[in-house]
Amino acid sequence: MTEHDILSDAEREALSEVMKAPTRAQAAQRVLIVEDDQLARDLLSELLELHGIQCIKAAGQQQAWHTLESDKSIALLLTDLRMPPGDGLELIRQLRRSERANMPVIIMSGNAEVKDAIDGMHLSVLDFLLKPIDTEKLTALIKRELHIE
């Protein structure tokens, strides 16, 4: 270090390491699929993974919340609307009250009412997809949101 250097050698090395760290777009980003129907959950996961989208699966609201709290690699929530005993809207409300409130969310449902769609919009969801899911639209939406090429 000379008298003209602004950074010490240690600071320069630390800065170099920070600059090498992956950006949000490069870091492992996963989609949490919350669906009470195991077959649908597994099929969605397989489909998304074929398109280079990493997934984690949860069978319901409680399991999903535990996963969201413990796994910081989750970057997007894809949730079913109806999952007894809870529902997707309550999971989203819980998410919006948390430190991860800005996480993008997509709702999917086989039997939604207009009120459900309005409630979803008020919770700032990306989209509200009706089942059967248009998989091309879903894949494109997730890739765009997670900056996956």
N, C-alpha and C. Protein backbone atom coordinates (compact mmCIF):
# COMPACT_ATOMS: atom_id res chain seq x y z
N MET A 1 0.85 -1.19 0.00
CA MET A 1 0.00 0.00 0.00
C MET A 1 0.88 1.24 0.00
N THR A 2 0.62 2.12 -0.92
CA THR A 2 1.37 3.38 -0.99
C THR A 2 0.52 4.49 -0.39
N GLU A 3 1.10 5.64 -0.22
CA GLU A 3 0.36 6.77 0.37
C GLU A 3 -0.78 7.25 -0.52
N HIS A 4 -0.75 6.89 -1.82
CA HIS A 4 -1.78 7.34 -2.75
C HIS A 4 -2.94 6.34 -2.87
N ASP A 5 -2.78 5.15 -2.31
CA ASP A 5 -3.84 4.15 -2.36
C ASP A 5 -4.98 4.53 -1.41
N ILE A 6 -6.19 4.40 -1.88
CA ILE A 6 -7.36 4.67 -1.05
C ILE A 6 -7.68 3.45 -0.20
N LEU A 7 -7.53 2.25 -0.77
CA LEU A 7 -7.85 1.01 -0.08
C LEU A 7 -6.59 0.29 0.37
N SER A 8 -6.70 -0.37 1.51
CA SER A 8 -5.60 -1.22 1.96
C SER A 8 -5.63 -2.50 1.14
N ASP A 9 -4.59 -3.30 1.23
CA ASP A 9 -4.55 -4.58 0.51
C ASP A 9 -5.70 -5.48 0.97
N ALA A 10 -5.96 -5.51 2.27
CA ALA A 10 -7.06 -6.34 2.80
C ALA A 10 -8.41 -5.86 2.29
N GLU A 11 -8.61 -4.54 2.25
CA GLU A 11 -9.86 -4.00 1.72
C GLU A 11 -10.01 -4.29 0.24
N ARG A 12 -8.93 -4.18 -0.51
CA ARG A 12 -8.95 -4.47 -1.94
C ARG A 12 -9.31 -5.94 -2.18
N GLU A 13 -8.74 -6.84 -1.37
CA GLU A 13 -9.03 -8.27 -1.51
C GLU A 13 -10.49 -8.57 -1.17
N ALA A 14 -10.99 -7.94 -0.09
CA ALA A 14 -12.39 -8.13 0.30
C ALA A 14 -13.33 -7.62 -0.79
N LEU A 15 -13.02 -6.48 -1.36
CA LEU A 15 -13.83 -5.92 -2.44
C LEU A 15 -13.82 -6.84 -3.66
N SER A 16 -12.68 -7.41 -3.95
CA SER A 16 -12.56 -8.34 -5.07
C SER A 16 -13.46 -9.55 -4.86
N GLU A 17 -13.51 -10.07 -3.63
CA GLU A 17 -14.37 -11.23 -3.32
C GLU A 17 -15.84 -10.87 -3.46
N VAL A 18 -16.22 -9.69 -3.00
CA VAL A 18 -17.61 -9.25 -3.11
C VAL A 18 -18.00 -9.12 -4.57
N MET A 19 -17.12 -8.62 -5.39
CA MET A 19 -17.40 -8.45 -6.81
C MET A 19 -17.56 -9.79 -7.52
N LYS A 20 -16.96 -10.84 -6.99
CA LYS A 20 -17.07 -12.18 -7.58
C LYS A 20 -18.35 -12.88 -7.14
N ALA A 21 -18.99 -12.40 -6.08
CA ALA A 21 -20.19 -13.05 -5.57
C ALA A 21 -21.28 -13.02 -6.63
N PRO A 22 -22.09 -14.08 -6.72
CA PRO A 22 -23.14 -14.10 -7.73
C PRO A 22 -24.19 -13.03 -7.45
N THR A 23 -24.71 -12.47 -8.52
CA THR A 23 -25.79 -11.51 -8.39
C THR A 23 -27.09 -12.27 -8.16
N ARG A 24 -28.16 -11.57 -7.87
CA ARG A 24 -29.46 -12.22 -7.64
C ARG A 24 -29.85 -13.05 -8.85
N ALA A 25 -29.57 -12.53 -10.03
CA ALA A 25 -29.95 -13.24 -11.26
C ALA A 25 -29.11 -14.49 -11.45
N GLN A 26 -27.86 -14.47 -10.95
CA GLN A 26 -26.99 -15.62 -11.13
C GLN A 26 -27.13 -16.64 -10.00
N ALA A 27 -27.52 -16.19 -8.82
CA ALA A 27 -27.59 -17.09 -7.66
C ALA A 27 -28.70 -18.12 -7.87
N ALA A 28 -28.58 -19.23 -7.16
CA ALA A 28 -29.61 -20.26 -7.23
C ALA A 28 -30.92 -19.66 -6.74
N GLN A 29 -31.89 -19.64 -7.59
CA GLN A 29 -33.22 -19.13 -7.24
C GLN A 29 -34.20 -20.26 -7.46
N ARG A 30 -34.99 -20.49 -6.47
CA ARG A 30 -35.94 -21.59 -6.57
C ARG A 30 -37.37 -21.08 -6.50
N VAL A 31 -38.23 -21.89 -7.08
CA VAL A 31 -39.66 -21.63 -7.00
C VAL A 31 -40.23 -22.61 -5.98
N LEU A 32 -41.01 -22.09 -5.04
CA LEU A 32 -41.71 -22.94 -4.09
C LEU A 32 -43.09 -23.22 -4.66
N ILE A 33 -43.34 -24.49 -4.96
CA ILE A 33 -44.65 -24.92 -5.48
C ILE A 33 -45.46 -25.43 -4.30
N VAL A 34 -46.60 -24.79 -4.05
CA VAL A 34 -47.48 -25.19 -2.95
C VAL A 34 -48.77 -25.71 -3.56
N GLU A 35 -48.95 -27.01 -3.43
CA GLU A 35 -50.09 -27.69 -4.08
C GLU A 35 -50.42 -28.92 -3.24
N ASP A 36 -51.68 -29.06 -2.84
CA ASP A 36 -52.06 -30.20 -2.00
C ASP A 36 -52.19 -31.50 -2.79
N ASP A 37 -52.36 -31.43 -4.09
CA ASP A 37 -52.44 -32.62 -4.95
C ASP A 37 -51.02 -33.04 -5.33
N GLN A 38 -50.57 -34.19 -4.80
CA GLN A 38 -49.19 -34.61 -5.01
C GLN A 38 -48.85 -34.80 -6.48
N LEU A 39 -49.74 -35.39 -7.26
CA LEU A 39 -49.47 -35.59 -8.67
C LEU A 39 -49.28 -34.26 -9.40
N ALA A 40 -50.16 -33.31 -9.15
CA ALA A 40 -50.05 -31.99 -9.77
C ALA A 40 -48.76 -31.29 -9.33
N ARG A 41 -48.44 -31.40 -8.06
CA ARG A 41 -47.22 -30.79 -7.51
C ARG A 41 -45.98 -31.37 -8.19
N ASP A 42 -45.93 -32.70 -8.31
CA ASP A 42 -44.78 -33.36 -8.93
C ASP A 42 -44.67 -33.04 -10.41
N LEU A 43 -45.81 -33.01 -11.11
CA LEU A 43 -45.79 -32.71 -12.54
C LEU A 43 -45.33 -31.27 -12.80
N LEU A 44 -45.82 -30.34 -12.01
CA LEU A 44 -45.39 -28.94 -12.15
C LEU A 44 -43.89 -28.81 -11.91
N SER A 45 -43.42 -29.47 -10.88
CA SER A 45 -41.99 -29.41 -10.56
C SER A 45 -41.15 -29.98 -11.70
N GLU A 46 -41.54 -31.13 -12.21
CA GLU A 46 -40.80 -31.75 -13.32
C GLU A 46 -40.81 -30.85 -14.56
N LEU A 47 -41.96 -30.29 -14.87
CA LEU A 47 -42.08 -29.41 -16.03
C LEU A 47 -41.16 -28.20 -15.90
N LEU A 48 -41.21 -27.54 -14.75
CA LEU A 48 -40.39 -26.35 -14.55
C LEU A 48 -38.90 -26.70 -14.57
N GLU A 49 -38.54 -27.81 -13.97
CA GLU A 49 -37.13 -28.20 -13.95
C GLU A 49 -36.62 -28.55 -15.35
N LEU A 50 -37.48 -29.06 -16.22
CA LEU A 50 -37.10 -29.30 -17.62
C LEU A 50 -36.74 -27.99 -18.32
N HIS A 51 -37.29 -26.89 -17.82
CA HIS A 51 -37.02 -25.57 -18.39
C HIS A 51 -35.95 -24.81 -17.60
N GLY A 52 -35.21 -25.52 -16.76
CA GLY A 52 -34.10 -24.90 -16.03
C GLY A 52 -34.51 -24.12 -14.81
N ILE A 53 -35.70 -24.36 -14.29
CA ILE A 53 -36.19 -23.66 -13.11
C ILE A 53 -36.15 -24.62 -11.93
N GLN A 54 -35.34 -24.30 -10.93
CA GLN A 54 -35.22 -25.15 -9.75
C GLN A 54 -36.45 -24.99 -8.86
N CYS A 55 -36.91 -26.11 -8.31
CA CYS A 55 -38.15 -26.09 -7.52
C CYS A 55 -37.98 -26.77 -6.18
N ILE A 56 -38.80 -26.33 -5.25
CA ILE A 56 -39.01 -26.98 -3.96
C ILE A 56 -40.51 -27.16 -3.86
N LYS A 57 -40.95 -28.24 -3.22
CA LYS A 57 -42.38 -28.53 -3.16
C LYS A 57 -42.88 -28.54 -1.72
N ALA A 58 -44.11 -28.09 -1.54
CA ALA A 58 -44.79 -28.14 -0.25
C ALA A 58 -46.22 -28.57 -0.49
N ALA A 59 -46.75 -29.37 0.46
CA ALA A 59 -48.09 -29.92 0.31
C ALA A 59 -49.19 -29.00 0.83
N GLY A 60 -48.83 -27.99 1.60
CA GLY A 60 -49.85 -27.11 2.15
C GLY A 60 -49.25 -25.86 2.76
N GLN A 61 -50.13 -25.04 3.32
CA GLN A 61 -49.76 -23.73 3.84
C GLN A 61 -48.71 -23.83 4.94
N GLN A 62 -48.90 -24.71 5.90
CA GLN A 62 -47.98 -24.80 7.03
C GLN A 62 -46.58 -25.25 6.59
N GLN A 63 -46.52 -26.28 5.77
CA GLN A 63 -45.23 -26.75 5.26
C GLN A 63 -44.57 -25.65 4.41
N ALA A 64 -45.35 -24.96 3.62
CA ALA A 64 -44.82 -23.89 2.78
C ALA A 64 -44.22 -22.78 3.64
N TRP A 65 -44.91 -22.39 4.70
CA TRP A 65 -44.41 -21.30 5.53
C TRP A 65 -43.09 -21.71 6.20
N HIS A 66 -43.03 -22.94 6.68
CA HIS A 66 -41.79 -23.42 7.30
C HIS A 66 -40.65 -23.38 6.28
N THR A 67 -40.92 -23.78 5.06
CA THR A 67 -39.91 -23.78 4.00
C THR A 67 -39.48 -22.35 3.66
N LEU A 68 -40.43 -21.44 3.57
CA LEU A 68 -40.11 -20.04 3.27
C LEU A 68 -39.22 -19.42 4.35
N GLU A 69 -39.47 -19.79 5.59
CA GLU A 69 -38.67 -19.25 6.70
C GLU A 69 -37.26 -19.82 6.72
N SER A 70 -37.10 -21.06 6.27
CA SER A 70 -35.80 -21.72 6.42
C SER A 70 -34.93 -21.71 5.16
N ASP A 71 -35.51 -21.46 4.00
CA ASP A 71 -34.74 -21.55 2.75
C ASP A 71 -34.76 -20.21 2.03
N LYS A 72 -33.65 -19.50 2.11
CA LYS A 72 -33.56 -18.16 1.51
C LYS A 72 -33.33 -18.20 0.01
N SER A 73 -33.16 -19.39 -0.58
CA SER A 73 -32.98 -19.48 -2.04
C SER A 73 -34.31 -19.37 -2.78
N ILE A 74 -35.41 -19.40 -2.06
CA ILE A 74 -36.73 -19.31 -2.71
C ILE A 74 -36.95 -17.87 -3.16
N ALA A 75 -37.18 -17.72 -4.46
CA ALA A 75 -37.32 -16.39 -5.03
C ALA A 75 -38.73 -16.12 -5.57
N LEU A 76 -39.56 -17.17 -5.66
CA LEU A 76 -40.91 -16.99 -6.20
C LEU A 76 -41.82 -18.05 -5.59
N LEU A 77 -43.03 -17.66 -5.28
CA LEU A 77 -44.03 -18.57 -4.71
C LEU A 77 -45.10 -18.85 -5.75
N LEU A 78 -45.31 -20.13 -6.04
CA LEU A 78 -46.38 -20.58 -6.93
C LEU A 78 -47.32 -21.40 -6.07
N THR A 79 -48.49 -20.85 -5.78
CA THR A 79 -49.38 -21.51 -4.82
C THR A 79 -50.77 -21.77 -5.36
N ASP A 80 -51.30 -22.91 -4.95
CA ASP A 80 -52.69 -23.24 -5.21
C ASP A 80 -53.54 -22.35 -4.32
N LEU A 81 -54.76 -22.10 -4.73
CA LEU A 81 -55.66 -21.27 -3.94
C LEU A 81 -56.30 -22.07 -2.82
N ARG A 82 -56.82 -23.24 -3.13
CA ARG A 82 -57.55 -24.06 -2.16
C ARG A 82 -56.68 -25.22 -1.68
N MET A 83 -56.33 -25.20 -0.40
CA MET A 83 -55.51 -26.27 0.19
C MET A 83 -55.97 -26.50 1.63
N PRO A 84 -57.01 -27.26 1.83
CA PRO A 84 -57.49 -27.47 3.19
C PRO A 84 -56.35 -28.01 4.09
N PRO A 85 -56.19 -27.53 5.29
CA PRO A 85 -57.12 -26.69 6.04
C PRO A 85 -56.95 -25.20 5.79
N GLY A 86 -55.85 -24.76 5.19
CA GLY A 86 -55.65 -23.33 4.93
C GLY A 86 -55.93 -23.02 3.48
N ASP A 87 -55.48 -21.85 3.05
CA ASP A 87 -55.61 -21.54 1.63
C ASP A 87 -54.44 -20.66 1.19
N GLY A 88 -54.29 -20.55 -0.11
CA GLY A 88 -53.18 -19.80 -0.68
C GLY A 88 -53.21 -18.32 -0.33
N LEU A 89 -54.40 -17.74 -0.24
CA LEU A 89 -54.49 -16.32 0.09
C LEU A 89 -53.96 -16.04 1.48
N GLU A 90 -54.26 -16.92 2.43
CA GLU A 90 -53.73 -16.72 3.79
C GLU A 90 -52.22 -16.86 3.81
N LEU A 91 -51.69 -17.79 3.04
CA LEU A 91 -50.23 -17.94 2.93
C LEU A 91 -49.61 -16.65 2.37
N ILE A 92 -50.24 -16.08 1.36
CA ILE A 92 -49.72 -14.85 0.76
C ILE A 92 -49.82 -13.69 1.75
N ARG A 93 -50.92 -13.61 2.50
CA ARG A 93 -51.04 -12.55 3.52
C ARG A 93 -49.90 -12.67 4.54
N GLN A 94 -49.63 -13.90 4.96
CA GLN A 94 -48.55 -14.15 5.91
C GLN A 94 -47.21 -13.72 5.31
N LEU A 95 -47.00 -14.05 4.05
CA LEU A 95 -45.76 -13.66 3.36
C LEU A 95 -45.65 -12.14 3.29
N ARG A 96 -46.72 -11.45 2.96
CA ARG A 96 -46.70 -9.99 2.81
C ARG A 96 -46.42 -9.28 4.13
N ARG A 97 -46.67 -9.95 5.26
CA ARG A 97 -46.38 -9.37 6.58
C ARG A 97 -44.97 -9.70 7.05
N SER A 98 -44.21 -10.44 6.26
CA SER A 98 -42.90 -10.92 6.69
C SER A 98 -41.78 -10.09 6.07
N GLU A 99 -40.55 -10.46 6.41
CA GLU A 99 -39.38 -9.78 5.83
C GLU A 99 -39.23 -10.08 4.34
N ARG A 100 -39.95 -11.08 3.84
CA ARG A 100 -39.89 -11.44 2.42
C ARG A 100 -41.13 -10.95 1.68
N ALA A 101 -41.69 -9.84 2.13
CA ALA A 101 -42.95 -9.32 1.61
C ALA A 101 -42.94 -9.02 0.12
N ASN A 102 -41.77 -8.75 -0.44
CA ASN A 102 -41.69 -8.39 -1.86
C ASN A 102 -41.56 -9.58 -2.80
N MET A 103 -41.60 -10.79 -2.27
CA MET A 103 -41.44 -11.98 -3.11
C MET A 103 -42.58 -12.05 -4.13
N PRO A 104 -42.24 -12.30 -5.40
CA PRO A 104 -43.30 -12.46 -6.40
C PRO A 104 -44.11 -13.73 -6.16
N VAL A 105 -45.41 -13.64 -6.43
CA VAL A 105 -46.34 -14.75 -6.17
C VAL A 105 -47.23 -14.96 -7.39
N ILE A 106 -47.43 -16.23 -7.71
CA ILE A 106 -48.39 -16.62 -8.74
C ILE A 106 -49.39 -17.55 -8.08
N ILE A 107 -50.68 -17.27 -8.27
CA ILE A 107 -51.75 -18.13 -7.74
C ILE A 107 -52.28 -18.98 -8.87
N MET A 108 -52.60 -20.24 -8.55
CA MET A 108 -53.26 -21.11 -9.51
C MET A 108 -54.48 -21.72 -8.82
N SER A 109 -55.55 -21.90 -9.59
CA SER A 109 -56.77 -22.45 -9.00
C SER A 109 -57.63 -23.12 -10.05
N GLY A 110 -58.30 -24.15 -9.59
CA GLY A 110 -59.25 -24.85 -10.45
C GLY A 110 -60.67 -24.38 -10.24
N ASN A 111 -60.90 -23.69 -9.13
CA ASN A 111 -62.27 -23.24 -8.85
C ASN A 111 -62.25 -21.89 -8.13
N ALA A 112 -61.82 -20.89 -8.85
CA ALA A 112 -61.73 -19.55 -8.26
C ALA A 112 -62.97 -18.74 -8.57
N GLU A 113 -63.25 -17.81 -7.68
CA GLU A 113 -64.33 -16.86 -7.88
C GLU A 113 -63.71 -15.49 -8.15
N VAL A 114 -64.51 -14.59 -8.67
CA VAL A 114 -64.03 -13.25 -8.98
C VAL A 114 -63.44 -12.60 -7.73
N LYS A 115 -64.07 -12.82 -6.57
CA LYS A 115 -63.58 -12.26 -5.31
C LYS A 115 -62.16 -12.73 -5.02
N ASP A 116 -61.87 -14.00 -5.32
CA ASP A 116 -60.52 -14.54 -5.09
C ASP A 116 -59.49 -13.81 -5.94
N ALA A 117 -59.83 -13.58 -7.19
CA ALA A 117 -58.92 -12.88 -8.10
C ALA A 117 -58.68 -11.45 -7.62
N ILE A 118 -59.74 -10.79 -7.16
CA ILE A 118 -59.60 -9.42 -6.64
C ILE A 118 -58.74 -9.42 -5.38
N ASP A 119 -58.97 -10.37 -4.48
CA ASP A 119 -58.15 -10.48 -3.27
C ASP A 119 -56.68 -10.70 -3.64
N GLY A 120 -56.44 -11.53 -4.66
CA GLY A 120 -55.07 -11.77 -5.11
C GLY A 120 -54.43 -10.51 -5.64
N MET A 121 -55.18 -9.72 -6.40
CA MET A 121 -54.65 -8.46 -6.92
C MET A 121 -54.30 -7.51 -5.79
N HIS A 122 -55.13 -7.48 -4.77
CA HIS A 122 -54.87 -6.61 -3.62
C HIS A 122 -53.61 -7.06 -2.87
N LEU A 123 -53.23 -8.31 -3.02
CA LEU A 123 -52.02 -8.84 -2.39
C LEU A 123 -50.83 -8.76 -3.34
N SER A 124 -50.99 -8.06 -4.44
CA SER A 124 -49.93 -7.81 -5.42
C SER A 124 -49.33 -9.09 -6.00
N VAL A 125 -50.20 -10.01 -6.42
CA VAL A 125 -49.68 -11.21 -7.08
C VAL A 125 -49.35 -10.89 -8.53
N LEU A 126 -48.40 -11.65 -9.08
CA LEU A 126 -48.00 -11.46 -10.49
C LEU A 126 -49.12 -11.86 -11.43
N ASP A 127 -49.73 -13.01 -11.12
CA ASP A 127 -50.78 -13.52 -12.01
C ASP A 127 -51.66 -14.48 -11.24
N PHE A 128 -52.85 -14.71 -11.77
CA PHE A 128 -53.83 -15.63 -11.20
C PHE A 128 -54.20 -16.57 -12.34
N LEU A 129 -53.66 -17.78 -12.32
CA LEU A 129 -53.84 -18.72 -13.43
C LEU A 129 -54.91 -19.75 -13.09
N LEU A 130 -55.77 -20.01 -14.06
CA LEU A 130 -56.80 -21.03 -13.88
C LEU A 130 -56.29 -22.38 -14.37
N LYS A 131 -56.68 -23.42 -13.65
CA LYS A 131 -56.32 -24.78 -14.05
C LYS A 131 -57.33 -25.23 -15.10
N PRO A 132 -56.94 -26.01 -16.07
CA PRO A 132 -55.58 -26.51 -16.27
C PRO A 132 -54.64 -25.37 -16.67
N ILE A 133 -53.44 -25.41 -16.12
CA ILE A 133 -52.45 -24.35 -16.29
C ILE A 133 -51.90 -24.35 -17.72
N ASP A 134 -51.80 -23.16 -18.29
CA ASP A 134 -51.11 -22.98 -19.57
C ASP A 134 -49.62 -22.99 -19.22
N THR A 135 -48.98 -24.14 -19.43
CA THR A 135 -47.60 -24.33 -18.97
C THR A 135 -46.60 -23.42 -19.70
N GLU A 136 -46.86 -23.11 -20.96
CA GLU A 136 -45.97 -22.19 -21.68
C GLU A 136 -46.02 -20.80 -21.05
N LYS A 137 -47.22 -20.34 -20.73
CA LYS A 137 -47.38 -19.03 -20.10
C LYS A 137 -46.72 -19.01 -18.73
N LEU A 138 -46.95 -20.07 -17.95
CA LEU A 138 -46.37 -20.17 -16.61
C LEU A 138 -44.85 -20.15 -16.67
N THR A 139 -44.29 -20.96 -17.54
CA THR A 139 -42.83 -21.04 -17.67
C THR A 139 -42.25 -19.69 -18.10
N ALA A 140 -42.85 -19.06 -19.07
CA ALA A 140 -42.36 -17.76 -19.55
C ALA A 140 -42.45 -16.71 -18.45
N LEU A 141 -43.53 -16.72 -17.69
CA LEU A 141 -43.72 -15.76 -16.61
C LEU A 141 -42.64 -15.93 -15.54
N ILE A 142 -42.39 -17.16 -15.13
CA ILE A 142 -41.37 -17.42 -14.10
C ILE A 142 -39.99 -17.07 -14.61
N LYS A 143 -39.67 -17.46 -15.83
CA LYS A 143 -38.35 -17.14 -16.37
C LYS A 143 -38.12 -15.65 -16.45
N ARG A 144 -39.14 -14.92 -16.88
CA ARG A 144 -39.03 -13.46 -16.96
C ARG A 144 -38.81 -12.87 -15.57
N GLU A 145 -39.59 -13.32 -14.60
CA GLU A 145 -39.50 -12.76 -13.25
C GLU A 145 -38.16 -13.08 -12.59
N LEU A 146 -37.62 -14.27 -12.83
CA LEU A 146 -36.36 -14.68 -12.20
C LEU A 146 -35.14 -14.39 -13.06
N HIS A 147 -35.37 -13.77 -14.22
CA HIS A 147 -34.27 -13.42 -15.16
C HIS A 147 -33.49 -14.66 -15.57
N ILE A 148 -34.22 -15.69 -15.96
CA ILE A 148 -33.62 -16.93 -16.45
C ILE A 148 -33.75 -16.93 -17.97
N GLU A 149 -32.66 -17.22 -18.64
CA GLU A 149 -32.70 -17.25 -20.12
C GLU A 149 -33.09 -18.60 -20.63
